[in-house]
């Protein structure tokens, strides 16, 4: 009997190692569809969607607008006392209350995009995509009661894109 214990004694540490190792496996992180659609981790480079340069204002605008949409989607729902609530006359609260810093950043990106639109307009598919995205975001902001300065910045960016783009409809 003693010889049988010696013969299989090396199996005890191996079994313990397997039991501990099986419980310590790495579990991959879960990702939501929104996270998979737009990688928005702080410090990462924006995707080169509208212009080959990732830091072009159009690409940076896309990233910023997506971050604001994601923040709106993740905001708690059902509270009528949100930051955009007007006062209780039956008006629904604003679905996307822009902080002053967010508003200023969007306006600055749109103004910079307006000045640097030529690079985007060289690629007809990128220009068309940007035109549609700008028009859709502007329409959503109009429906949410955004201020006139922000909407005018969107209008100027759309006009600059239309002036630089080759023939063809943009944003429609």
Protein backbone atom coordinates (compact mmCIF):
# COMPACT_ATOMS: atom_id res chain seq x y z
CA UNK A 1 0.00 0.00 0.00
CA UNK A 2 2.83 2.33 0.82
CA UNK A 3 4.38 1.76 -2.59
CA UNK A 4 1.07 2.64 -4.24
CA UNK A 5 0.99 5.97 -2.36
CA UNK A 6 4.55 6.76 -3.41
CA UNK A 7 3.79 5.86 -6.99
CA UNK A 8 0.86 8.29 -7.21
CA UNK A 9 2.04 10.97 -4.76
CA UNK A 10 3.10 13.25 -7.59
CA UNK A 11 -0.53 13.36 -8.77
CA UNK A 12 -1.74 15.26 -5.67
CA UNK A 13 0.18 18.50 -6.42
CA UNK A 14 -0.79 18.23 -10.08
CA UNK A 15 -4.48 17.82 -9.18
CA UNK A 16 -4.27 20.81 -6.82
CA UNK A 17 -2.60 22.89 -9.53
CA UNK A 18 -5.29 21.97 -12.04
CA UNK A 19 -8.08 22.77 -9.57
CA UNK A 20 -6.62 26.19 -8.78
CA UNK A 21 -5.71 26.91 -12.39
CA UNK A 22 -9.18 26.03 -13.65
CA UNK A 23 -10.73 28.59 -11.32
CA UNK A 24 -8.36 31.39 -12.35
CA UNK A 25 -9.02 31.55 -16.06
CA UNK A 26 -9.43 34.89 -17.74
CA UNK A 27 -12.97 35.98 -18.51
CA UNK A 28 -13.16 38.18 -21.62
CA UNK A 29 -14.88 41.56 -21.12
CA UNK A 30 -18.41 42.00 -22.39
CA UNK A 31 -18.97 44.70 -24.96
CA UNK A 32 -22.23 46.36 -25.84
CA UNK A 33 -23.19 47.06 -29.44
CA UNK A 34 -22.61 50.77 -28.87
CA UNK A 35 -19.09 50.11 -27.60
CA UNK A 36 -18.32 47.87 -30.55
CA UNK A 37 -19.66 50.43 -33.01
CA UNK A 38 -17.58 53.31 -31.71
CA UNK A 39 -14.33 52.80 -29.86
CA UNK A 40 -14.40 55.82 -27.59
CA UNK A 41 -11.91 54.95 -24.91
CA UNK A 42 -10.13 58.07 -23.66
CA UNK A 43 -6.83 58.69 -25.36
CA UNK A 44 -7.43 56.49 -28.39
CA UNK A 45 -7.13 57.90 -31.90
CA UNK A 46 -10.35 58.76 -33.78
CA UNK A 47 -11.10 56.58 -36.78
CA UNK A 48 -10.24 58.00 -40.20
CA UNK A 49 -13.75 57.93 -41.65
CA UNK A 50 -14.21 61.21 -43.52
CA UNK A 51 -10.56 62.14 -44.04
CA UNK A 52 -7.36 60.02 -44.13
CA UNK A 53 -5.90 62.05 -41.25
CA UNK A 54 -7.44 60.70 -38.00
CA UNK A 55 -7.17 64.08 -36.25
CA UNK A 56 -8.95 65.98 -39.02
CA UNK A 57 -11.83 68.03 -37.53
CA UNK A 58 -14.44 65.96 -39.39
CA UNK A 59 -13.18 62.73 -37.79
CA UNK A 60 -12.93 64.41 -34.41
CA UNK A 61 -16.50 65.78 -34.80
CA UNK A 62 -17.77 62.26 -35.55
CA UNK A 63 -16.13 60.92 -32.39
CA UNK A 64 -17.47 63.76 -30.23
CA UNK A 65 -21.01 63.52 -31.60
CA UNK A 66 -20.96 59.74 -31.05
CA UNK A 67 -19.80 60.25 -27.46
CA UNK A 68 -22.67 62.65 -26.81
CA UNK A 69 -25.18 60.20 -28.32
CA UNK A 70 -23.74 57.41 -26.18
CA UNK A 71 -24.00 59.55 -23.03
CA UNK A 72 -27.64 60.26 -23.90
CA UNK A 73 -28.38 56.55 -24.42
CA UNK A 74 -26.77 55.60 -21.11
CA UNK A 75 -28.52 58.35 -19.13
CA UNK A 76 -31.17 57.14 -16.68
CA UNK A 77 -34.65 57.28 -18.15
CA UNK A 78 -38.04 57.93 -16.62
CA UNK A 79 -37.20 60.99 -14.55
CA UNK A 80 -39.16 64.07 -15.50
CA UNK A 81 -36.93 66.25 -13.34
CA UNK A 82 -33.93 66.12 -15.66
CA UNK A 83 -31.60 68.97 -16.39
CA UNK A 84 -33.63 69.95 -19.45
CA UNK A 85 -37.03 70.02 -17.75
CA UNK A 86 -38.72 73.32 -18.44
CA UNK A 87 -41.10 73.62 -15.58
CA UNK A 88 -44.02 71.25 -15.49
CA UNK A 89 -46.31 72.55 -18.24
CA UNK A 90 -46.35 69.05 -19.69
CA UNK A 91 -43.19 69.71 -21.69
CA UNK A 92 -40.97 66.64 -21.93
CA UNK A 93 -37.43 67.11 -20.65
CA UNK A 94 -34.76 67.71 -23.27
CA UNK A 95 -33.28 64.41 -24.35
CA UNK A 96 -29.79 65.79 -24.90
CA UNK A 97 -28.95 68.68 -22.62
CA UNK A 98 -25.61 69.92 -23.91
CA UNK A 99 -23.19 71.14 -21.33
CA UNK A 100 -21.57 74.48 -22.21
CA UNK A 101 -18.22 72.74 -22.77
CA UNK A 102 -19.80 70.18 -25.13
CA UNK A 103 -21.58 72.92 -27.06
CA UNK A 104 -18.39 75.01 -27.34
CA UNK A 105 -16.38 72.00 -28.48
CA UNK A 106 -18.92 71.09 -31.16
CA UNK A 107 -19.02 74.66 -32.45
CA UNK A 108 -15.21 74.86 -32.51
CA UNK A 109 -14.93 71.55 -34.39
CA UNK A 110 -17.58 72.63 -36.89
CA UNK A 111 -15.80 75.96 -37.48
CA UNK A 112 -12.46 74.22 -37.92
CA UNK A 113 -14.11 71.68 -40.22
CA UNK A 114 -15.55 74.56 -42.26
CA UNK A 115 -12.03 75.92 -42.84
CA UNK A 116 -10.51 72.50 -43.68
CA UNK A 117 -13.31 71.00 -45.76
CA UNK A 118 -11.34 70.66 -49.03
CA UNK A 119 -9.63 67.42 -47.96
CA UNK A 120 -12.93 65.74 -47.19
CA UNK A 121 -14.62 66.97 -50.35
CA UNK A 122 -12.01 65.30 -52.58
CA UNK A 123 -13.52 61.89 -51.80
CA UNK A 124 -17.13 61.89 -53.03
CA UNK A 125 -18.23 59.00 -50.80
CA UNK A 126 -16.69 60.57 -47.68
CA UNK A 127 -18.21 63.94 -48.56
CA UNK A 128 -21.63 62.39 -49.09
CA UNK A 129 -21.40 60.44 -45.84
CA UNK A 130 -20.28 63.51 -43.90
CA UNK A 131 -23.07 65.59 -45.44
CA UNK A 132 -25.70 63.03 -44.43
CA UNK A 133 -24.27 62.71 -40.92
CA UNK A 134 -24.07 66.48 -40.39
CA UNK A 135 -27.62 66.97 -41.68
CA UNK A 136 -28.97 64.14 -39.50
CA UNK A 137 -27.24 65.46 -36.38
CA UNK A 138 -28.46 68.99 -37.11
CA UNK A 139 -32.01 67.73 -37.58
CA UNK A 140 -31.85 65.81 -34.29
CA UNK A 141 -30.55 68.90 -32.48
CA UNK A 142 -33.30 71.05 -34.02
CA UNK A 143 -35.88 68.60 -32.70
CA UNK A 144 -34.32 68.86 -29.26
CA UNK A 145 -34.39 72.65 -29.24
CA UNK A 146 -30.65 73.34 -29.56
CA UNK A 147 -29.55 76.97 -29.56
CA UNK A 148 -29.18 79.02 -32.72
CA UNK A 149 -25.36 79.35 -32.58
CA UNK A 150 -24.88 75.59 -32.71
CA UNK A 151 -27.40 75.14 -35.52
CA UNK A 152 -25.77 77.96 -37.50
CA UNK A 153 -22.38 76.26 -37.10
CA UNK A 154 -23.91 73.11 -38.60
CA UNK A 155 -25.36 75.17 -41.48
CA UNK A 156 -21.99 76.80 -42.22
CA UNK A 157 -20.22 73.42 -42.21
CA UNK A 158 -22.82 71.98 -44.59
CA UNK A 159 -22.50 75.00 -46.91
CA UNK A 160 -18.69 74.72 -46.89
CA UNK A 161 -18.93 71.03 -47.75
CA UNK A 162 -21.39 71.71 -50.57
CA UNK A 163 -19.14 74.45 -51.96
CA UNK A 164 -16.05 72.18 -51.98
CA UNK A 165 -17.70 68.93 -53.05
CA UNK A 166 -17.87 67.74 -56.62
CA UNK A 167 -21.28 67.81 -58.30
CA UNK A 168 -23.92 65.74 -56.54
CA UNK A 169 -26.34 66.14 -53.68
CA UNK A 170 -25.01 66.16 -50.14
CA UNK A 171 -26.93 65.40 -47.05
CA UNK A 172 -29.98 64.10 -48.81
